[in-house]
Amino acid sequence: MRRIFPSSLARVAQALLVAAVVCFSLGATDSQARFNKIGGKLMCTCGCAQTLLGCDHVGCPNRGGEMDELRSGIASGLSEKAILDGFVERYGGTVLGAPTTQGFDLVAWIMPFAVALLGLLGTIFLVRHWAKQQPKLAVAKGLSSPADEAMRERIRRETGIE
């Protein structure tokens, strides 16, 4: 059996071939991964209230053009921020799937938690106020009759409580 390449040379060639395939496949999936990541952050503008990639509106008039616009932005090498800014400039702030964390949009992130915390604190203070307003029950001493004392003694004996 004849070998064209020595054994070590064949292994090196195989390793280079595998490395090249891996590099090309990573490059191919990189743009697809960016497409999925950025597309998941955008809302479809047809009014379906779904993300651009999740729009299942049959015959959606906007989805195809927006996806083409996204693909061309990725292909031209624009950053994620530049692509999102372009969409916001063209379609308005409602195209974003989540509000930004800058300026007044920061309120959209903080307010639900702040309102919940204030509601919890208000409830705690209200319950404590109501508890303080409850009348205290006075312990009546010396008002029990001999029959009551006899009954208590009988109960203690029968139940074995000392």
N, C-alpha and C. Protein backbone atom coordinates (compact mmCIF):
# COMPACT_ATOMS: atom_id res chain seq x y z
N MET A 1 0.84 -1.16 0.00
CA MET A 1 0.00 0.00 0.00
C MET A 1 0.89 1.23 0.00
N ARG A 2 0.66 2.09 -0.97
CA ARG A 2 1.49 3.27 -1.10
C ARG A 2 0.81 4.45 -0.46
N ARG A 3 1.58 5.28 0.20
CA ARG A 3 1.06 6.53 0.78
C ARG A 3 1.63 7.69 0.00
N ILE A 4 0.75 8.63 -0.29
CA ILE A 4 1.21 9.79 -1.03
C ILE A 4 1.95 10.73 -0.10
N PHE A 5 1.37 10.97 1.08
CA PHE A 5 1.98 11.86 2.07
C PHE A 5 2.50 11.05 3.24
N PRO A 6 3.55 11.50 3.84
CA PRO A 6 3.94 10.87 5.10
C PRO A 6 2.86 11.09 6.14
N SER A 7 2.83 10.27 7.11
CA SER A 7 1.78 10.29 8.12
C SER A 7 1.66 11.63 8.82
N SER A 8 2.74 12.22 9.24
CA SER A 8 2.68 13.50 9.95
C SER A 8 2.22 14.63 9.05
N LEU A 9 2.60 14.61 7.81
CA LEU A 9 2.18 15.63 6.85
C LEU A 9 0.67 15.53 6.59
N ALA A 10 0.15 14.33 6.53
CA ALA A 10 -1.29 14.13 6.33
C ALA A 10 -2.08 14.68 7.53
N ARG A 11 -1.58 14.47 8.70
CA ARG A 11 -2.27 14.97 9.90
C ARG A 11 -2.26 16.49 9.94
N VAL A 12 -1.17 17.10 9.56
CA VAL A 12 -1.09 18.55 9.52
C VAL A 12 -2.06 19.10 8.49
N ALA A 13 -2.15 18.48 7.34
CA ALA A 13 -3.08 18.91 6.29
C ALA A 13 -4.52 18.78 6.77
N GLN A 14 -4.84 17.68 7.45
CA GLN A 14 -6.19 17.49 7.99
C GLN A 14 -6.51 18.57 9.03
N ALA A 15 -5.56 18.87 9.88
CA ALA A 15 -5.78 19.89 10.92
C ALA A 15 -6.01 21.26 10.29
N LEU A 16 -5.24 21.59 9.26
CA LEU A 16 -5.44 22.86 8.57
C LEU A 16 -6.80 22.92 7.88
N LEU A 17 -7.20 21.82 7.28
CA LEU A 17 -8.51 21.76 6.63
C LEU A 17 -9.63 21.94 7.64
N VAL A 18 -9.55 21.28 8.77
CA VAL A 18 -10.55 21.43 9.84
C VAL A 18 -10.57 22.86 10.35
N ALA A 19 -9.41 23.46 10.55
CA ALA A 19 -9.33 24.84 11.03
C ALA A 19 -9.97 25.80 10.03
N ALA A 20 -9.72 25.58 8.74
CA ALA A 20 -10.31 26.44 7.71
C ALA A 20 -11.83 26.30 7.70
N VAL A 21 -12.34 25.09 7.80
CA VAL A 21 -13.79 24.86 7.81
C VAL A 21 -14.41 25.53 9.03
N VAL A 22 -13.77 25.40 10.17
CA VAL A 22 -14.28 26.02 11.39
C VAL A 22 -14.29 27.54 11.26
N CYS A 23 -13.24 28.11 10.74
CA CYS A 23 -13.17 29.57 10.57
C CYS A 23 -14.27 30.06 9.64
N PHE A 24 -14.46 29.38 8.51
CA PHE A 24 -15.50 29.81 7.57
C PHE A 24 -16.89 29.63 8.16
N SER A 25 -17.11 28.55 8.89
CA SER A 25 -18.44 28.33 9.47
C SER A 25 -18.71 29.33 10.60
N LEU A 26 -17.68 29.71 11.35
CA LEU A 26 -17.89 30.73 12.38
C LEU A 26 -18.22 32.07 11.74
N GLY A 27 -17.58 32.39 10.66
CA GLY A 27 -17.88 33.63 9.97
C GLY A 27 -19.29 33.64 9.42
N ALA A 28 -19.75 32.50 8.94
CA ALA A 28 -21.10 32.42 8.37
C ALA A 28 -22.15 32.54 9.46
N THR A 29 -21.92 31.93 10.60
CA THR A 29 -22.91 31.98 11.66
C THR A 29 -22.84 33.29 12.43
N ASP A 30 -21.73 34.01 12.31
CA ASP A 30 -21.61 35.27 13.03
C ASP A 30 -22.64 36.28 12.54
N SER A 31 -22.78 36.41 11.22
CA SER A 31 -23.77 37.37 10.71
C SER A 31 -25.19 36.89 11.02
N GLN A 32 -25.42 35.59 10.99
CA GLN A 32 -26.74 35.06 11.33
C GLN A 32 -27.03 35.29 12.81
N ALA A 33 -26.03 35.11 13.65
CA ALA A 33 -26.22 35.35 15.08
C ALA A 33 -26.51 36.83 15.34
N ARG A 34 -25.79 37.72 14.65
CA ARG A 34 -26.07 39.16 14.79
C ARG A 34 -27.47 39.49 14.29
N PHE A 35 -27.87 38.87 13.19
CA PHE A 35 -29.21 39.09 12.64
C PHE A 35 -30.27 38.68 13.66
N ASN A 36 -30.09 37.51 14.28
CA ASN A 36 -31.05 37.03 15.27
C ASN A 36 -31.06 37.91 16.52
N LYS A 37 -29.88 38.33 16.96
CA LYS A 37 -29.78 39.15 18.16
C LYS A 37 -30.44 40.51 17.95
N ILE A 38 -30.09 41.18 16.86
CA ILE A 38 -30.63 42.52 16.62
C ILE A 38 -32.11 42.44 16.23
N GLY A 39 -32.47 41.44 15.43
CA GLY A 39 -33.87 41.27 15.03
C GLY A 39 -34.77 41.00 16.22
N GLY A 40 -34.23 40.36 17.26
CA GLY A 40 -35.02 40.12 18.47
C GLY A 40 -35.23 41.37 19.30
N LYS A 41 -34.44 42.41 19.05
CA LYS A 41 -34.58 43.66 19.78
C LYS A 41 -35.50 44.65 19.08
N LEU A 42 -35.94 44.30 17.87
CA LEU A 42 -36.78 45.21 17.09
C LEU A 42 -38.22 44.69 17.04
N MET A 43 -39.16 45.61 17.01
CA MET A 43 -40.57 45.27 16.88
C MET A 43 -40.99 45.44 15.43
N CYS A 44 -41.89 44.58 14.98
CA CYS A 44 -42.44 44.74 13.64
C CYS A 44 -43.38 45.94 13.66
N THR A 45 -43.35 46.73 12.62
CA THR A 45 -44.14 47.97 12.60
C THR A 45 -45.53 47.78 11.98
N CYS A 46 -45.94 46.53 11.75
CA CYS A 46 -47.25 46.30 11.16
C CYS A 46 -48.37 46.43 12.19
N GLY A 47 -48.03 46.49 13.46
CA GLY A 47 -49.04 46.62 14.50
C GLY A 47 -49.40 45.30 15.16
N CYS A 48 -48.64 44.24 14.88
CA CYS A 48 -48.94 42.93 15.46
C CYS A 48 -48.42 42.78 16.88
N ALA A 49 -47.63 43.72 17.36
CA ALA A 49 -47.06 43.71 18.71
C ALA A 49 -46.14 42.51 18.94
N GLN A 50 -45.42 42.11 17.90
CA GLN A 50 -44.45 41.02 18.01
C GLN A 50 -43.09 41.54 17.54
N THR A 51 -42.06 40.79 17.92
CA THR A 51 -40.73 41.19 17.46
C THR A 51 -40.65 40.99 15.95
N LEU A 52 -39.66 41.61 15.36
CA LEU A 52 -39.50 41.54 13.91
C LEU A 52 -39.34 40.09 13.45
N LEU A 53 -38.54 39.32 14.16
CA LEU A 53 -38.33 37.92 13.77
C LEU A 53 -39.50 37.03 14.15
N GLY A 54 -40.30 37.45 15.12
CA GLY A 54 -41.41 36.63 15.58
C GLY A 54 -42.74 36.97 14.93
N CYS A 55 -42.76 37.94 14.04
CA CYS A 55 -44.01 38.36 13.41
C CYS A 55 -44.57 37.22 12.56
N ASP A 56 -45.74 36.73 12.94
CA ASP A 56 -46.38 35.67 12.17
C ASP A 56 -47.65 36.18 11.48
N HIS A 57 -47.70 37.48 11.32
CA HIS A 57 -48.82 38.14 10.65
C HIS A 57 -48.81 37.70 9.18
N VAL A 58 -49.84 36.99 8.77
CA VAL A 58 -49.90 36.48 7.40
C VAL A 58 -49.97 37.66 6.43
N GLY A 59 -49.06 37.68 5.49
CA GLY A 59 -49.02 38.74 4.49
C GLY A 59 -48.59 40.08 5.08
N CYS A 60 -47.72 40.05 6.07
CA CYS A 60 -47.26 41.28 6.72
C CYS A 60 -46.61 42.20 5.69
N PRO A 61 -47.09 43.43 5.58
CA PRO A 61 -46.54 44.32 4.56
C PRO A 61 -45.19 44.93 4.95
N ASN A 62 -44.82 44.86 6.21
CA ASN A 62 -43.62 45.55 6.68
C ASN A 62 -42.45 44.62 6.98
N ARG A 63 -42.72 43.39 7.36
CA ARG A 63 -41.68 42.49 7.85
C ARG A 63 -40.56 42.28 6.84
N GLY A 64 -40.91 42.00 5.59
CA GLY A 64 -39.89 41.70 4.58
C GLY A 64 -38.94 42.86 4.36
N GLY A 65 -39.47 44.07 4.24
CA GLY A 65 -38.62 45.24 4.02
C GLY A 65 -37.74 45.55 5.21
N GLU A 66 -38.28 45.38 6.40
CA GLU A 66 -37.49 45.64 7.61
C GLU A 66 -36.39 44.61 7.76
N MET A 67 -36.68 43.35 7.45
CA MET A 67 -35.65 42.32 7.54
C MET A 67 -34.56 42.56 6.49
N ASP A 68 -34.96 43.00 5.30
CA ASP A 68 -33.96 43.33 4.27
C ASP A 68 -33.09 44.49 4.73
N GLU A 69 -33.72 45.47 5.35
CA GLU A 69 -32.97 46.62 5.87
C GLU A 69 -31.98 46.18 6.95
N LEU A 70 -32.41 45.26 7.80
CA LEU A 70 -31.53 44.73 8.84
C LEU A 70 -30.38 43.96 8.22
N ARG A 71 -30.67 43.11 7.25
CA ARG A 71 -29.61 42.34 6.58
C ARG A 71 -28.58 43.26 5.91
N SER A 72 -29.07 44.31 5.26
CA SER A 72 -28.14 45.21 4.58
C SER A 72 -27.28 45.98 5.60
N GLY A 73 -27.85 46.32 6.75
CA GLY A 73 -27.06 46.98 7.79
C GLY A 73 -25.97 46.07 8.33
N ILE A 74 -26.30 44.81 8.51
CA ILE A 74 -25.30 43.85 9.00
C ILE A 74 -24.24 43.61 7.93
N ALA A 75 -24.68 43.46 6.69
CA ALA A 75 -23.73 43.20 5.59
C ALA A 75 -22.79 44.38 5.38
N SER A 76 -23.26 45.60 5.62
CA SER A 76 -22.39 46.76 5.43
C SER A 76 -21.45 46.99 6.61
N GLY A 77 -21.57 46.15 7.65
CA GLY A 77 -20.64 46.22 8.76
C GLY A 77 -20.99 47.25 9.82
N LEU A 78 -22.24 47.73 9.81
CA LEU A 78 -22.65 48.70 10.84
C LEU A 78 -22.69 48.03 12.21
N SER A 79 -22.44 48.81 13.23
CA SER A 79 -22.52 48.28 14.60
C SER A 79 -23.99 48.09 14.98
N GLU A 80 -24.21 47.34 16.03
CA GLU A 80 -25.58 47.11 16.51
C GLU A 80 -26.26 48.43 16.86
N LYS A 81 -25.54 49.30 17.54
CA LYS A 81 -26.10 50.59 17.93
C LYS A 81 -26.48 51.41 16.71
N ALA A 82 -25.63 51.41 15.68
CA ALA A 82 -25.92 52.18 14.47
C ALA A 82 -27.15 51.64 13.75
N ILE A 83 -27.29 50.32 13.72
CA ILE A 83 -28.46 49.72 13.09
C ILE A 83 -29.72 50.08 13.86
N LEU A 84 -29.67 49.93 15.19
CA LEU A 84 -30.85 50.26 16.01
C LEU A 84 -31.19 51.74 15.91
N ASP A 85 -30.16 52.60 15.90
CA ASP A 85 -30.41 54.04 15.75
C ASP A 85 -31.05 54.35 14.41
N GLY A 86 -30.63 53.66 13.37
CA GLY A 86 -31.24 53.85 12.05
C GLY A 86 -32.71 53.46 12.04
N PHE A 87 -33.03 52.36 12.69
CA PHE A 87 -34.42 51.94 12.77
C PHE A 87 -35.24 52.95 13.58
N VAL A 88 -34.68 53.44 14.69
CA VAL A 88 -35.40 54.42 15.50
C VAL A 88 -35.61 55.71 14.71
N GLU A 89 -34.62 56.12 13.95
CA GLU A 89 -34.73 57.33 13.15
C GLU A 89 -35.82 57.19 12.08
N ARG A 90 -35.90 56.00 11.51
CA ARG A 90 -36.86 55.79 10.42
C ARG A 90 -38.26 55.50 10.92
N TYR A 91 -38.40 54.67 11.98
CA TYR A 91 -39.72 54.22 12.41
C TYR A 91 -40.17 54.79 13.76
N GLY A 92 -39.29 55.45 14.47
CA GLY A 92 -39.63 56.00 15.77
C GLY A 92 -39.20 55.06 16.90
N GLY A 93 -39.33 55.55 18.12
CA GLY A 93 -38.87 54.79 19.28
C GLY A 93 -39.67 53.54 19.56
N THR A 94 -40.87 53.42 18.98
CA THR A 94 -41.69 52.23 19.24
C THR A 94 -41.16 51.00 18.52
N VAL A 95 -40.19 51.15 17.64
CA VAL A 95 -39.62 50.01 16.93
C VAL A 95 -38.72 49.18 17.85
N LEU A 96 -38.28 49.78 18.96
CA LEU A 96 -37.43 49.05 19.90
C LEU A 96 -38.28 48.14 20.78
N GLY A 97 -37.81 46.92 20.98
CA GLY A 97 -38.53 45.96 21.80
C GLY A 97 -38.50 46.29 23.28
N ALA A 98 -37.51 47.04 23.71
CA ALA A 98 -37.39 47.44 25.11
C ALA A 98 -36.89 48.88 25.13
N PRO A 99 -37.32 49.64 26.14
CA PRO A 99 -36.84 51.03 26.21
C PRO A 99 -35.34 51.07 26.50
N THR A 100 -34.71 52.15 26.07
CA THR A 100 -33.29 52.30 26.33
C THR A 100 -33.08 52.59 27.81
N THR A 101 -31.86 52.56 28.24
CA THR A 101 -31.55 52.84 29.65
C THR A 101 -30.93 54.22 29.78
N GLN A 102 -31.39 55.15 28.96
CA GLN A 102 -30.87 56.51 29.00
C GLN A 102 -32.03 57.49 29.06
N GLY A 103 -31.80 58.62 29.67
CA GLY A 103 -32.78 59.70 29.68
C GLY A 103 -34.09 59.31 30.31
N PHE A 104 -35.17 59.78 29.70
CA PHE A 104 -36.50 59.54 30.27
C PHE A 104 -36.90 58.07 30.19
N ASP A 105 -36.33 57.31 29.23
CA ASP A 105 -36.66 55.89 29.12
C ASP A 105 -36.21 55.11 30.35
N LEU A 106 -35.26 55.65 31.07
CA LEU A 106 -34.81 55.01 32.31
C LEU A 106 -35.95 54.91 33.32
N VAL A 107 -36.86 55.87 33.27
CA VAL A 107 -38.03 55.86 34.16
C VAL A 107 -38.87 54.60 33.92
N ALA A 108 -38.96 54.15 32.67
CA ALA A 108 -39.74 52.96 32.35
C ALA A 108 -39.17 51.72 33.03
N TRP A 109 -37.88 51.72 33.32
CA TRP A 109 -37.27 50.60 34.02
C TRP A 109 -37.41 50.74 35.54
N ILE A 110 -37.32 51.96 36.04
CA ILE A 110 -37.28 52.18 37.48
C ILE A 110 -38.68 52.23 38.10
N MET A 111 -39.63 52.88 37.42
CA MET A 111 -40.93 53.14 38.03
C MET A 111 -41.68 51.90 38.51
N PRO A 112 -41.77 50.81 37.77
CA PRO A 112 -42.52 49.66 38.30
C PRO A 112 -41.97 49.16 39.63
N PHE A 113 -40.65 49.13 39.75
CA PHE A 113 -40.05 48.67 40.99
C PHE A 113 -40.26 49.69 42.11
N ALA A 114 -40.16 50.97 41.78
CA ALA A 114 -40.36 52.03 42.78
C ALA A 114 -41.80 52.02 43.28
N VAL A 115 -42.76 51.87 42.39
CA VAL A 115 -44.17 51.85 42.80
C VAL A 115 -44.45 50.62 43.66
N ALA A 116 -43.91 49.47 43.28
CA ALA A 116 -44.11 48.26 44.08
C ALA A 116 -43.51 48.42 45.47
N LEU A 117 -42.32 49.00 45.55
CA LEU A 117 -41.66 49.22 46.84
C LEU A 117 -42.46 50.20 47.70
N LEU A 118 -42.93 51.29 47.10
CA LEU A 118 -43.73 52.26 47.85
C LEU A 118 -45.05 51.63 48.33
N GLY A 119 -45.65 50.82 47.50
CA GLY A 119 -46.88 50.13 47.90
C GLY A 119 -46.64 49.18 49.07
N LEU A 120 -45.53 48.46 49.04
CA LEU A 120 -45.19 47.55 50.13
C LEU A 120 -44.93 48.31 51.42
N LEU A 121 -44.16 49.39 51.34
CA LEU A 121 -43.87 50.19 52.54
C LEU A 121 -45.15 50.83 53.08
N GLY A 122 -46.01 51.32 52.19
CA GLY A 122 -47.28 51.90 52.62
C GLY A 122 -48.15 50.89 53.33
N THR A 123 -48.18 49.67 52.81
CA THR A 123 -48.97 48.61 53.45
C THR A 123 -48.42 48.27 54.82
N ILE A 124 -47.11 48.19 54.95
CA ILE A 124 -46.50 47.89 56.26
C ILE A 124 -46.84 48.97 57.27
N PHE A 125 -46.71 50.25 56.89
CA PHE A 125 -47.03 51.33 57.81
C PHE A 125 -48.50 51.35 58.16
N LEU A 126 -49.38 51.06 57.22
CA LEU A 126 -50.81 51.04 57.48
C LEU A 126 -51.18 49.93 58.45
N VAL A 127 -50.63 48.75 58.26
CA VAL A 127 -50.93 47.63 59.16
C VAL A 127 -50.40 47.92 60.57
N ARG A 128 -49.21 48.51 60.67
CA ARG A 128 -48.68 48.87 62.00
C ARG A 128 -49.55 49.93 62.67
N HIS A 129 -50.04 50.89 61.90
CA HIS A 129 -50.92 51.93 62.45
C HIS A 129 -52.22 51.31 62.96
N TRP A 130 -52.81 50.42 62.18
CA TRP A 130 -54.03 49.76 62.62
C TRP A 130 -53.79 48.92 63.87
N ALA A 131 -52.64 48.26 63.95
CA ALA A 131 -52.35 47.43 65.12
C ALA A 131 -52.22 48.28 66.37
N LYS A 132 -51.66 49.48 66.24
CA LYS A 132 -51.53 50.37 67.40
C LYS A 132 -52.89 50.92 67.83
N GLN A 133 -53.83 51.04 66.92
CA GLN A 133 -55.14 51.60 67.22
C GLN A 133 -56.09 50.60 67.89
N GLN A 134 -55.76 49.33 67.85
CA GLN A 134 -56.63 48.32 68.45
C GLN A 134 -56.64 48.49 69.97
N PRO A 135 -57.85 48.44 70.59
CA PRO A 135 -57.91 48.57 72.04
C PRO A 135 -57.29 47.33 72.71
N LYS A 136 -56.61 47.59 73.79
CA LYS A 136 -55.99 46.50 74.54
C LYS A 136 -57.06 45.86 75.44
N LEU A 137 -57.04 44.57 75.50
CA LEU A 137 -57.97 43.87 76.37
C LEU A 137 -57.42 43.87 77.79
N ALA A 138 -58.28 44.27 78.71
CA ALA A 138 -57.86 44.32 80.11
C ALA A 138 -58.06 42.95 80.74
N VAL A 139 -57.11 42.57 81.56
CA VAL A 139 -57.21 41.30 82.27
C VAL A 139 -57.98 41.55 83.55
N ALA A 140 -59.08 40.85 83.70
CA ALA A 140 -59.91 41.02 84.89
C ALA A 140 -59.39 40.09 85.98
N LYS A 141 -58.97 40.68 87.09
CA LYS A 141 -58.47 39.88 88.21
C LYS A 141 -59.47 39.95 89.34
N GLY A 142 -59.64 38.82 89.94
CA GLY A 142 -60.53 38.76 91.09
C GLY A 142 -62.01 38.75 90.73
N LEU A 143 -62.34 38.61 89.48
CA LEU A 143 -63.74 38.61 89.09
C LEU A 143 -64.27 37.20 88.85
N SER A 144 -63.40 36.19 89.02
CA SER A 144 -63.88 34.83 88.80
C SER A 144 -64.58 34.32 90.05
N SER A 145 -65.61 33.57 89.82
CA SER A 145 -66.39 33.03 90.93
C SER A 145 -65.77 31.73 91.41
N PRO A 146 -66.18 31.27 92.61
CA PRO A 146 -65.65 29.99 93.11
C PRO A 146 -66.01 28.83 92.17
N ALA A 147 -67.15 28.93 91.49
CA ALA A 147 -67.54 27.86 90.57
C ALA A 147 -66.59 27.82 89.38
N ASP A 148 -66.15 29.02 88.90
CA ASP A 148 -65.19 29.07 87.79
C ASP A 148 -63.85 28.47 88.20
N GLU A 149 -63.41 28.78 89.41
CA GLU A 149 -62.14 28.23 89.90
C GLU A 149 -62.23 26.72 90.05
N ALA A 150 -63.38 26.21 90.52
CA ALA A 150 -63.55 24.77 90.66
C ALA A 150 -63.52 24.10 89.29
N MET A 151 -64.15 24.73 88.30
CA MET A 151 -64.16 24.16 86.95
C MET A 151 -62.75 24.14 86.36
N ARG A 152 -61.98 25.21 86.54
CA ARG A 152 -60.61 25.25 86.04
C ARG A 152 -59.76 24.16 86.69
N GLU A 153 -59.95 23.97 87.98
CA GLU A 153 -59.20 22.94 88.70
C GLU A 153 -59.56 21.56 88.16
N ARG A 154 -60.82 21.31 87.90
CA ARG A 154 -61.26 20.03 87.36
C ARG A 154 -60.67 19.80 85.97
N ILE A 155 -60.65 20.85 85.15
CA ILE A 155 -60.08 20.73 83.81
C ILE A 155 -58.59 20.42 83.90
N ARG A 156 -57.88 21.07 84.79
CA ARG A 156 -56.44 20.81 84.95
C ARG A 156 -56.19 19.36 85.35
N ARG A 157 -57.01 18.82 86.26
CA ARG A 157 -56.82 17.46 86.71
C ARG A 157 -57.12 16.46 85.59
N GLU A 158 -58.20 16.69 84.83
CA GLU A 158 -58.61 15.75 83.81
C GLU A 158 -57.68 15.78 82.59
N THR A 159 -57.13 16.91 82.31
CA THR A 159 -56.22 16.98 81.17
C THR A 159 -54.76 16.76 81.54
N GLY A 160 -54.47 16.80 82.78
CA GLY A 160 -53.10 16.56 83.23
C GLY A 160 -52.20 17.78 83.07
N ILE A 161 -52.79 18.94 82.92
CA ILE A 161 -52.01 20.17 82.78
C ILE A 161 -51.77 20.75 84.15
N GLU A 162 -50.56 21.08 84.41
CA GLU A 162 -50.22 21.69 85.72
C GLU A 162 -50.03 23.15 85.60
